[in-house]
mmCIF file of all heavy atoms, coordinates in Angstrom:
data_MODEL
# 
_entry.id   MODEL 
# 
loop_
_atom_site.group_PDB 
_atom_site.id 
_atom_site.type_symbol 
_atom_site.label_atom_id 
_atom_site.label_alt_id 
_atom_site.label_comp_id 
_atom_site.label_asym_id 
_atom_site.label_entity_id 
_atom_site.label_seq_id 
_atom_site.pdbx_PDB_ins_code 
_atom_site.Cartn_x 
_atom_site.Cartn_y 
_atom_site.Cartn_z 
_atom_site.occupancy 
_atom_site.B_iso_or_equiv 
_atom_site.pdbx_formal_charge 
_atom_site.auth_seq_id 
_atom_site.auth_comp_id 
_atom_site.auth_asym_id 
_atom_site.auth_atom_id 
_atom_site.pdbx_PDB_model_num 
ATOM 1   N N   . ALA A 1 1  ? 88.733 107.090 124.415 1.00 0.00 ? 1  ALA A N   1 
ATOM 2   C CA  . ALA A 1 1  ? 87.218 106.451 124.290 1.00 0.00 ? 1  ALA A CA  1 
ATOM 3   C C   . ALA A 1 1  ? 86.982 105.374 125.241 1.00 0.00 ? 1  ALA A C   1 
ATOM 4   O O   . ALA A 1 1  ? 85.934 104.732 125.168 1.00 0.00 ? 1  ALA A O   1 
ATOM 5   C CB  . ALA A 1 1  ? 87.141 106.016 122.769 1.00 0.00 ? 1  ALA A CB  1 
ATOM 6   N N   . ALA A 1 2  ? 87.908 104.940 126.048 1.00 0.00 ? 2  ALA A N   1 
ATOM 7   C CA  . ALA A 1 2  ? 87.799 103.765 126.900 1.00 0.00 ? 2  ALA A CA  1 
ATOM 8   C C   . ALA A 1 2  ? 88.433 104.123 128.143 1.00 0.00 ? 2  ALA A C   1 
ATOM 9   O O   . ALA A 1 2  ? 89.402 105.017 128.256 1.00 0.00 ? 2  ALA A O   1 
ATOM 10  C CB  . ALA A 1 2  ? 88.158 102.523 126.435 1.00 0.00 ? 2  ALA A CB  1 
ATOM 11  N N   . GLY A 1 3  ? 88.049 103.470 129.209 1.00 0.00 ? 3  GLY A N   1 
ATOM 12  C CA  . GLY A 1 3  ? 88.629 103.663 130.535 1.00 0.00 ? 3  GLY A CA  1 
ATOM 13  C C   . GLY A 1 3  ? 88.020 104.744 131.435 1.00 0.00 ? 3  GLY A C   1 
ATOM 14  O O   . GLY A 1 3  ? 87.159 105.457 130.933 1.00 0.00 ? 3  GLY A O   1 
ATOM 15  N N   . SER A 1 4  ? 88.299 104.934 132.733 1.00 0.00 ? 4  SER A N   1 
ATOM 16  C CA  . SER A 1 4  ? 87.694 105.802 133.421 1.00 0.00 ? 4  SER A CA  1 
ATOM 17  C C   . SER A 1 4  ? 87.815 107.263 133.075 1.00 0.00 ? 4  SER A C   1 
ATOM 18  O O   . SER A 1 4  ? 86.996 108.208 133.553 1.00 0.00 ? 4  SER A O   1 
ATOM 19  C CB  . SER A 1 4  ? 88.245 105.524 134.913 1.00 0.00 ? 4  SER A CB  1 
ATOM 20  O OG  . SER A 1 4  ? 89.535 105.661 135.016 1.00 0.00 ? 4  SER A OG  1 
ATOM 21  N N   . ALA A 1 5  ? 88.871 107.544 132.392 1.00 0.00 ? 5  ALA A N   1 
ATOM 22  C CA  . ALA A 1 5  ? 89.223 109.082 131.907 1.00 0.00 ? 5  ALA A CA  1 
ATOM 23  C C   . ALA A 1 5  ? 88.504 109.338 130.668 1.00 0.00 ? 5  ALA A C   1 
ATOM 24  O O   . ALA A 1 5  ? 88.782 110.387 130.094 1.00 0.00 ? 5  ALA A O   1 
ATOM 25  C CB  . ALA A 1 5  ? 90.573 109.366 131.979 1.00 0.00 ? 5  ALA A CB  1 
ATOM 26  N N   . SER A 1 6  ? 87.724 108.441 130.010 1.00 0.00 ? 6  SER A N   1 
ATOM 27  C CA  . SER A 1 6  ? 87.143 108.656 128.719 1.00 0.00 ? 6  SER A CA  1 
ATOM 28  C C   . SER A 1 6  ? 86.170 109.689 128.751 1.00 0.00 ? 6  SER A C   1 
ATOM 29  O O   . SER A 1 6  ? 85.584 110.027 129.749 1.00 0.00 ? 6  SER A O   1 
ATOM 30  C CB  . SER A 1 6  ? 86.592 107.355 128.221 1.00 0.00 ? 6  SER A CB  1 
ATOM 31  O OG  . SER A 1 6  ? 85.438 107.048 129.012 1.00 0.00 ? 6  SER A OG  1 
ATOM 32  N N   . SER A 1 7  ? 85.948 110.418 127.575 1.00 0.00 ? 7  SER A N   1 
ATOM 33  C CA  . SER A 1 7  ? 85.000 111.533 127.513 1.00 0.00 ? 7  SER A CA  1 
ATOM 34  C C   . SER A 1 7  ? 83.915 111.004 126.483 1.00 0.00 ? 7  SER A C   1 
ATOM 35  O O   . SER A 1 7  ? 84.190 110.301 125.566 1.00 0.00 ? 7  SER A O   1 
ATOM 36  C CB  . SER A 1 7  ? 85.679 112.784 127.081 1.00 0.00 ? 7  SER A CB  1 
ATOM 37  O OG  . SER A 1 7  ? 85.969 112.676 125.757 1.00 0.00 ? 7  SER A OG  1 
ATOM 38  N N   . PRO A 1 8  ? 82.727 111.557 126.745 1.00 0.00 ? 8  PRO A N   1 
ATOM 39  C CA  . PRO A 1 8  ? 81.646 111.295 125.722 1.00 0.00 ? 8  PRO A CA  1 
ATOM 40  C C   . PRO A 1 8  ? 81.988 111.683 124.243 1.00 0.00 ? 8  PRO A C   1 
ATOM 41  O O   . PRO A 1 8  ? 81.742 111.021 123.250 1.00 0.00 ? 8  PRO A O   1 
ATOM 42  C CB  . PRO A 1 8  ? 80.466 112.045 126.179 1.00 0.00 ? 8  PRO A CB  1 
ATOM 43  C CG  . PRO A 1 8  ? 80.727 112.283 127.575 1.00 0.00 ? 8  PRO A CG  1 
ATOM 44  C CD  . PRO A 1 8  ? 82.176 112.389 127.828 1.00 0.00 ? 8  PRO A CD  1 
ATOM 45  N N   . GLU A 1 9  ? 82.627 112.803 124.113 1.00 0.00 ? 9  GLU A N   1 
ATOM 46  C CA  . GLU A 1 9  ? 83.002 113.384 122.766 1.00 0.00 ? 9  GLU A CA  1 
ATOM 47  C C   . GLU A 1 9  ? 83.951 112.441 122.111 1.00 0.00 ? 9  GLU A C   1 
ATOM 48  O O   . GLU A 1 9  ? 83.861 112.096 120.901 1.00 0.00 ? 9  GLU A O   1 
ATOM 49  C CB  . GLU A 1 9  ? 83.587 114.766 122.943 1.00 0.00 ? 9  GLU A CB  1 
ATOM 50  C CG  . GLU A 1 9  ? 82.644 115.786 123.413 1.00 0.00 ? 9  GLU A CG  1 
ATOM 51  C CD  . GLU A 1 9  ? 82.361 115.811 124.902 1.00 0.00 ? 9  GLU A CD  1 
ATOM 52  O OE1 . GLU A 1 9  ? 83.200 115.103 125.616 1.00 0.00 ? 9  GLU A OE1 1 
ATOM 53  O OE2 . GLU A 1 9  ? 81.354 116.301 125.409 1.00 0.00 ? 9  GLU A OE2 1 
ATOM 54  N N   . ALA A 1 10 ? 85.113 112.011 122.943 1.00 0.00 ? 10 ALA A N   1 
ATOM 55  C CA  . ALA A 1 10 ? 86.073 111.218 122.336 1.00 0.00 ? 10 ALA A CA  1 
ATOM 56  C C   . ALA A 1 10 ? 85.508 109.743 122.032 1.00 0.00 ? 10 ALA A C   1 
ATOM 57  O O   . ALA A 1 10 ? 85.799 109.140 120.993 1.00 0.00 ? 10 ALA A O   1 
ATOM 58  C CB  . ALA A 1 10 ? 87.250 111.023 123.213 1.00 0.00 ? 10 ALA A CB  1 
ATOM 59  N N   . THR A 1 11 ? 84.693 109.399 122.888 1.00 0.00 ? 11 THR A N   1 
ATOM 60  C CA  . THR A 1 11 ? 83.927 107.982 122.610 1.00 0.00 ? 11 THR A CA  1 
ATOM 61  C C   . THR A 1 11 ? 83.099 107.979 121.351 1.00 0.00 ? 11 THR A C   1 
ATOM 62  O O   . THR A 1 11 ? 83.278 107.139 120.588 1.00 0.00 ? 11 THR A O   1 
ATOM 63  C CB  . THR A 1 11 ? 83.075 107.573 123.844 1.00 0.00 ? 11 THR A CB  1 
ATOM 64  O OG1 . THR A 1 11 ? 83.868 107.560 125.063 1.00 0.00 ? 11 THR A OG1 1 
ATOM 65  C CG2 . THR A 1 11 ? 82.324 106.275 123.580 1.00 0.00 ? 11 THR A CG2 1 
ATOM 66  N N   . ARG A 1 12 ? 82.345 109.174 121.169 1.00 0.00 ? 12 ARG A N   1 
ATOM 67  C CA  . ARG A 1 12 ? 81.438 109.210 120.065 1.00 0.00 ? 12 ARG A CA  1 
ATOM 68  C C   . ARG A 1 12 ? 82.313 109.254 118.769 1.00 0.00 ? 12 ARG A C   1 
ATOM 69  O O   . ARG A 1 12 ? 82.093 108.733 117.672 1.00 0.00 ? 12 ARG A O   1 
ATOM 70  C CB  . ARG A 1 12 ? 80.554 110.380 120.225 1.00 0.00 ? 12 ARG A CB  1 
ATOM 71  C CG  . ARG A 1 12 ? 79.576 110.423 119.087 1.00 0.00 ? 12 ARG A CG  1 
ATOM 72  C CD  . ARG A 1 12 ? 78.519 109.254 119.099 1.00 0.00 ? 12 ARG A CD  1 
ATOM 73  N NE  . ARG A 1 12 ? 77.699 109.432 117.909 1.00 0.00 ? 12 ARG A NE  1 
ATOM 74  C CZ  . ARG A 1 12 ? 78.018 108.827 116.695 1.00 0.00 ? 12 ARG A CZ  1 
ATOM 75  N NH1 . ARG A 1 12 ? 78.967 108.101 116.545 1.00 0.00 ? 12 ARG A NH1 1 
ATOM 76  N NH2 . ARG A 1 12 ? 77.087 108.975 115.678 1.00 0.00 ? 12 ARG A NH2 1 
ATOM 77  N N   . ALA A 1 13 ? 83.365 110.075 118.850 1.00 0.00 ? 13 ALA A N   1 
ATOM 78  C CA  . ALA A 1 13 ? 84.208 110.297 117.677 1.00 0.00 ? 13 ALA A CA  1 
ATOM 79  C C   . ALA A 1 13 ? 84.837 109.021 117.186 1.00 0.00 ? 13 ALA A C   1 
ATOM 80  O O   . ALA A 1 13 ? 84.930 108.570 116.011 1.00 0.00 ? 13 ALA A O   1 
ATOM 81  C CB  . ALA A 1 13 ? 85.252 111.454 117.784 1.00 0.00 ? 13 ALA A CB  1 
ATOM 82  N N   . ALA A 1 14 ? 85.526 108.283 118.186 1.00 0.00 ? 14 ALA A N   1 
ATOM 83  C CA  . ALA A 1 14 ? 86.152 107.043 117.868 1.00 0.00 ? 14 ALA A CA  1 
ATOM 84  C C   . ALA A 1 14 ? 85.239 106.050 117.340 1.00 0.00 ? 14 ALA A C   1 
ATOM 85  O O   . ALA A 1 14 ? 85.435 105.218 116.457 1.00 0.00 ? 14 ALA A O   1 
ATOM 86  C CB  . ALA A 1 14 ? 86.875 106.434 119.240 1.00 0.00 ? 14 ALA A CB  1 
ATOM 87  N N   . GLY A 1 15 ? 83.933 105.934 118.044 1.00 0.00 ? 15 GLY A N   1 
ATOM 88  C CA  . GLY A 1 15 ? 82.952 104.927 117.567 1.00 0.00 ? 15 GLY A CA  1 
ATOM 89  C C   . GLY A 1 15 ? 82.606 105.219 116.185 1.00 0.00 ? 15 GLY A C   1 
ATOM 90  O O   . GLY A 1 15 ? 82.360 104.374 115.357 1.00 0.00 ? 15 GLY A O   1 
ATOM 91  N N   . GLN A 1 16 ? 82.362 106.428 115.802 1.00 0.00 ? 16 GLN A N   1 
ATOM 92  C CA  . GLN A 1 16 ? 81.965 106.813 114.502 1.00 0.00 ? 16 GLN A CA  1 
ATOM 93  C C   . GLN A 1 16 ? 83.033 106.368 113.454 1.00 0.00 ? 16 GLN A C   1 
ATOM 94  O O   . GLN A 1 16 ? 82.656 105.890 112.287 1.00 0.00 ? 16 GLN A O   1 
ATOM 95  C CB  . GLN A 1 16 ? 81.703 108.379 114.301 1.00 0.00 ? 16 GLN A CB  1 
ATOM 96  C CG  . GLN A 1 16 ? 81.020 108.642 112.913 1.00 0.00 ? 16 GLN A CG  1 
ATOM 97  C CD  . GLN A 1 16 ? 79.736 108.104 112.787 1.00 0.00 ? 16 GLN A CD  1 
ATOM 98  O OE1 . GLN A 1 16 ? 78.912 108.045 113.715 1.00 0.00 ? 16 GLN A OE1 1 
ATOM 99  N NE2 . GLN A 1 16 ? 79.412 107.548 111.625 1.00 0.00 ? 16 GLN A NE2 1 
ATOM 100 N N   . LYS A 1 17 ? 84.329 106.526 113.805 1.00 0.00 ? 17 LYS A N   1 
ATOM 101 C CA  . LYS A 1 17 ? 85.371 106.102 112.909 1.00 0.00 ? 17 LYS A CA  1 
ATOM 102 C C   . LYS A 1 17 ? 85.395 104.623 112.626 1.00 0.00 ? 17 LYS A C   1 
ATOM 103 O O   . LYS A 1 17 ? 85.441 104.127 111.609 1.00 0.00 ? 17 LYS A O   1 
ATOM 104 C CB  . LYS A 1 17 ? 86.620 106.708 113.350 1.00 0.00 ? 17 LYS A CB  1 
ATOM 105 C CG  . LYS A 1 17 ? 87.892 106.427 112.282 1.00 0.00 ? 17 LYS A CG  1 
ATOM 106 C CD  . LYS A 1 17 ? 89.210 107.122 112.661 1.00 0.00 ? 17 LYS A CD  1 
ATOM 107 C CE  . LYS A 1 17 ? 90.161 106.890 111.584 1.00 0.00 ? 17 LYS A CE  1 
ATOM 108 N NZ  . LYS A 1 17 ? 91.388 107.536 111.862 1.00 0.00 ? 17 LYS A NZ  1 
ATOM 109 N N   . PHE A 1 18 ? 85.229 103.862 113.836 1.00 0.00 ? 18 PHE A N   1 
ATOM 110 C CA  . PHE A 1 18 ? 85.120 102.492 113.732 1.00 0.00 ? 18 PHE A CA  1 
ATOM 111 C C   . PHE A 1 18 ? 83.960 102.099 112.935 1.00 0.00 ? 18 PHE A C   1 
ATOM 112 O O   . PHE A 1 18 ? 83.991 101.087 112.173 1.00 0.00 ? 18 PHE A O   1 
ATOM 113 C CB  . PHE A 1 18 ? 85.120 101.834 115.121 1.00 0.00 ? 18 PHE A CB  1 
ATOM 114 C CG  . PHE A 1 18 ? 85.314 100.357 115.244 1.00 0.00 ? 18 PHE A CG  1 
ATOM 115 C CD1 . PHE A 1 18 ? 86.540 99.865  115.077 1.00 0.00 ? 18 PHE A CD1 1 
ATOM 116 C CD2 . PHE A 1 18 ? 84.270 99.488  115.360 1.00 0.00 ? 18 PHE A CD2 1 
ATOM 117 C CE1 . PHE A 1 18 ? 86.721 98.457  115.215 1.00 0.00 ? 18 PHE A CE1 1 
ATOM 118 C CE2 . PHE A 1 18 ? 84.366 98.166  115.369 1.00 0.00 ? 18 PHE A CE2 1 
ATOM 119 C CZ  . PHE A 1 18 ? 85.697 97.608  115.276 1.00 0.00 ? 18 PHE A CZ  1 
ATOM 120 N N   . ARG A 1 19 ? 82.798 102.779 113.172 1.00 0.00 ? 19 ARG A N   1 
ATOM 121 C CA  . ARG A 1 19 ? 81.690 102.369 112.349 1.00 0.00 ? 19 ARG A CA  1 
ATOM 122 C C   . ARG A 1 19 ? 81.956 102.557 110.870 1.00 0.00 ? 19 ARG A C   1 
ATOM 123 O O   . ARG A 1 19 ? 81.486 101.833 109.982 1.00 0.00 ? 19 ARG A O   1 
ATOM 124 C CB  . ARG A 1 19 ? 80.432 103.234 112.924 1.00 0.00 ? 19 ARG A CB  1 
ATOM 125 C CG  . ARG A 1 19 ? 79.069 103.144 112.037 1.00 0.00 ? 19 ARG A CG  1 
ATOM 126 C CD  . ARG A 1 19 ? 77.983 103.934 112.738 1.00 0.00 ? 19 ARG A CD  1 
ATOM 127 N NE  . ARG A 1 19 ? 76.813 103.818 111.831 1.00 0.00 ? 19 ARG A NE  1 
ATOM 128 C CZ  . ARG A 1 19 ? 75.669 104.280 112.182 1.00 0.00 ? 19 ARG A CZ  1 
ATOM 129 N NH1 . ARG A 1 19 ? 75.560 105.013 113.345 1.00 0.00 ? 19 ARG A NH1 1 
ATOM 130 N NH2 . ARG A 1 19 ? 74.537 104.098 111.417 1.00 0.00 ? 19 ARG A NH2 1 
ATOM 131 N N   . ASP A 1 20 ? 82.435 103.727 110.506 1.00 0.00 ? 20 ASP A N   1 
ATOM 132 C CA  . ASP A 1 20 ? 82.619 104.136 109.109 1.00 0.00 ? 20 ASP A CA  1 
ATOM 133 C C   . ASP A 1 20 ? 83.645 103.259 108.437 1.00 0.00 ? 20 ASP A C   1 
ATOM 134 O O   . ASP A 1 20 ? 83.315 102.810 107.356 1.00 0.00 ? 20 ASP A O   1 
ATOM 135 C CB  . ASP A 1 20 ? 82.999 105.578 109.001 1.00 0.00 ? 20 ASP A CB  1 
ATOM 136 C CG  . ASP A 1 20 ? 82.161 106.615 109.476 1.00 0.00 ? 20 ASP A CG  1 
ATOM 137 O OD1 . ASP A 1 20 ? 80.819 106.177 109.462 1.00 0.00 ? 20 ASP A OD1 1 
ATOM 138 O OD2 . ASP A 1 20 ? 82.503 107.670 109.594 1.00 0.00 ? 20 ASP A OD2 1 
ATOM 139 N N   . LEU A 1 21 ? 84.635 102.898 109.064 1.00 0.00 ? 21 LEU A N   1 
ATOM 140 C CA  . LEU A 1 21 ? 85.821 102.126 108.427 1.00 0.00 ? 21 LEU A CA  1 
ATOM 141 C C   . LEU A 1 21 ? 85.603 100.604 108.581 1.00 0.00 ? 21 LEU A C   1 
ATOM 142 O O   . LEU A 1 21 ? 85.959 99.896  107.658 1.00 0.00 ? 21 LEU A O   1 
ATOM 143 C CB  . LEU A 1 21 ? 87.175 102.336 109.151 1.00 0.00 ? 21 LEU A CB  1 
ATOM 144 C CG  . LEU A 1 21 ? 87.690 103.730 108.894 1.00 0.00 ? 21 LEU A CG  1 
ATOM 145 C CD1 . LEU A 1 21 ? 88.892 103.953 109.656 1.00 0.00 ? 21 LEU A CD1 1 
ATOM 146 C CD2 . LEU A 1 21 ? 87.895 103.951 107.353 1.00 0.00 ? 21 LEU A CD2 1 
ATOM 147 N N   . ILE A 1 22 ? 84.951 100.092 109.612 1.00 0.00 ? 22 ILE A N   1 
ATOM 148 C CA  . ILE A 1 22 ? 84.890 98.587  109.849 1.00 0.00 ? 22 ILE A CA  1 
ATOM 149 C C   . ILE A 1 22 ? 83.302 98.095  109.791 1.00 0.00 ? 22 ILE A C   1 
ATOM 150 O O   . ILE A 1 22 ? 82.970 97.276  108.989 1.00 0.00 ? 22 ILE A O   1 
ATOM 151 C CB  . ILE A 1 22 ? 85.437 98.270  111.119 1.00 0.00 ? 22 ILE A CB  1 
ATOM 152 C CG1 . ILE A 1 22 ? 86.872 98.791  111.373 1.00 0.00 ? 22 ILE A CG1 1 
ATOM 153 C CG2 . ILE A 1 22 ? 85.484 96.721  111.407 1.00 0.00 ? 22 ILE A CG2 1 
ATOM 154 C CD1 . ILE A 1 22 ? 87.885 98.309  110.486 1.00 0.00 ? 22 ILE A CD1 1 
ATOM 155 N N   . LEU A 1 23 ? 82.471 98.618  110.674 1.00 0.00 ? 23 LEU A N   1 
ATOM 156 C CA  . LEU A 1 23 ? 81.216 98.008  110.754 1.00 0.00 ? 23 LEU A CA  1 
ATOM 157 C C   . LEU A 1 23 ? 80.354 98.220  109.585 1.00 0.00 ? 23 LEU A C   1 
ATOM 158 O O   . LEU A 1 23 ? 79.628 97.309  109.158 1.00 0.00 ? 23 LEU A O   1 
ATOM 159 C CB  . LEU A 1 23 ? 80.517 98.672  112.062 1.00 0.00 ? 23 LEU A CB  1 
ATOM 160 C CG  . LEU A 1 23 ? 81.105 98.404  113.495 1.00 0.00 ? 23 LEU A CG  1 
ATOM 161 C CD1 . LEU A 1 23 ? 80.405 99.056  114.578 1.00 0.00 ? 23 LEU A CD1 1 
ATOM 162 C CD2 . LEU A 1 23 ? 81.010 96.751  113.693 1.00 0.00 ? 23 LEU A CD2 1 
ATOM 163 N N   . SER A 1 24 ? 80.388 99.421  108.931 1.00 0.00 ? 24 SER A N   1 
ATOM 164 C CA  . SER A 1 24 ? 79.534 99.776  107.844 1.00 0.00 ? 24 SER A CA  1 
ATOM 165 C C   . SER A 1 24 ? 79.892 99.165  106.561 1.00 0.00 ? 24 SER A C   1 
ATOM 166 O O   . SER A 1 24 ? 79.154 99.091  105.672 1.00 0.00 ? 24 SER A O   1 
ATOM 167 C CB  . SER A 1 24 ? 79.304 101.230 107.709 1.00 0.00 ? 24 SER A CB  1 
ATOM 168 O OG  . SER A 1 24 ? 80.619 101.817 107.266 1.00 0.00 ? 24 SER A OG  1 
# 
């Protein structure tokens, strides 16, 4: 989800998990 080799799908999936567990 980070770095030049990141993908939109991996970024969105990781972000959602961080949102669900931490931010929300």
